[in-house]
Amino acid sequence: MAVDPLWATVERGERLTTIKACELFPSLKRNRIEALPSVVARRPWIGKKPAQNVKTYLRTDVEALAATVNAP
């Protein structure tokens, strides 16, 4: 089965899941990230984890949010 093109953007780092965004930007609260515009991507089977729909966020949006949180 082909990988969802949107999920391919997650694999390339162009889009982030909430978990990955929290890992990269620990100063961001989950609810702040989840307030950003999102697009659902279909994550394929990974090991024993079944495929599922996952909200994803543009990396540039998350980076901009992080910059405002970390601004002096």
Protein backbone atom coordinates (compact mmCIF):
# COMPACT_ATOMS: atom_id res chain seq x y z
CA MET A 1 0.00 0.00 0.00
CA ALA A 2 1.29 3.46 -0.89
CA VAL A 3 2.13 5.95 1.83
CA ASP A 4 -0.28 8.88 2.18
CA PRO A 5 1.41 11.86 0.45
CA LEU A 6 0.68 13.99 3.52
CA TRP A 7 2.42 11.44 5.73
CA ALA A 8 5.42 11.64 3.42
CA THR A 9 5.68 15.35 4.38
CA VAL A 10 5.87 14.24 8.03
CA GLU A 11 8.66 11.82 7.19
CA ARG A 12 10.54 14.63 5.41
CA GLY A 13 10.11 16.92 8.43
CA GLU A 14 7.93 19.47 6.63
CA ARG A 15 4.97 18.69 8.89
CA LEU A 16 5.07 17.67 12.55
CA THR A 17 2.84 15.57 14.74
CA THR A 18 2.00 16.94 18.17
CA ILE A 19 4.40 14.48 19.79
CA LYS A 20 7.29 15.44 17.51
CA ALA A 21 6.58 19.16 17.95
CA CYS A 22 6.68 18.74 21.74
CA GLU A 23 9.98 16.85 21.46
CA LEU A 24 11.58 19.52 19.25
CA PHE A 25 10.16 22.49 21.15
CA PRO A 26 9.76 21.50 24.82
CA SER A 27 8.81 25.07 25.78
CA LEU A 28 5.54 24.69 23.85
CA LYS A 29 2.48 23.36 25.60
CA ARG A 30 0.48 20.71 23.76
CA ASN A 31 -2.69 22.83 23.74
CA ARG A 32 -0.81 25.72 22.05
CA ILE A 33 0.41 23.41 19.29
CA GLU A 34 -3.04 21.88 18.83
CA ALA A 35 -4.51 25.39 18.36
CA LEU A 36 -2.50 25.76 15.13
CA PRO A 37 -4.12 24.93 11.77
CA SER A 38 -3.79 21.21 11.17
CA VAL A 39 -4.24 18.64 8.43
CA VAL A 40 -4.96 14.98 9.03
CA ALA A 41 -2.47 12.55 7.53
CA ARG A 42 -2.77 8.76 7.47
CA ARG A 43 0.13 7.22 9.38
CA PRO A 44 0.93 3.77 7.97
CA TRP A 45 1.43 0.63 10.04
CA ILE A 46 4.63 0.97 12.08
CA GLY A 47 5.70 -2.30 13.65
CA LYS A 48 2.74 -3.38 15.76
CA LYS A 49 1.09 0.06 15.76
CA PRO A 50 -1.84 0.08 13.33
CA ALA A 51 -2.36 2.75 10.72
CA GLN A 52 -4.27 5.75 12.00
CA ASN A 53 -5.23 9.31 11.20
CA VAL A 54 -2.92 11.85 12.87
CA LYS A 55 -3.19 15.64 13.04
CA THR A 56 -0.12 17.30 11.56
CA TYR A 57 1.12 20.88 11.66
CA LEU A 58 3.37 22.82 9.31
CA ARG A 59 6.85 22.90 10.78
CA THR A 60 7.10 26.61 9.93
CA ASP A 61 3.93 27.32 11.96
CA VAL A 62 5.31 25.43 14.96
CA GLU A 63 8.68 27.20 14.66
CA ALA A 64 6.95 30.60 14.50
CA LEU A 65 4.91 29.75 17.59
CA ALA A 66 8.04 28.61 19.42
CA ALA A 67 9.76 31.88 18.51
CA THR A 68 6.95 33.91 20.11
CA VAL A 69 7.01 31.79 23.26
CA ASN A 70 10.80 32.05 23.58
CA ALA A 71 11.02 35.75 22.65
CA PRO A 72 12.51 38.04 25.31
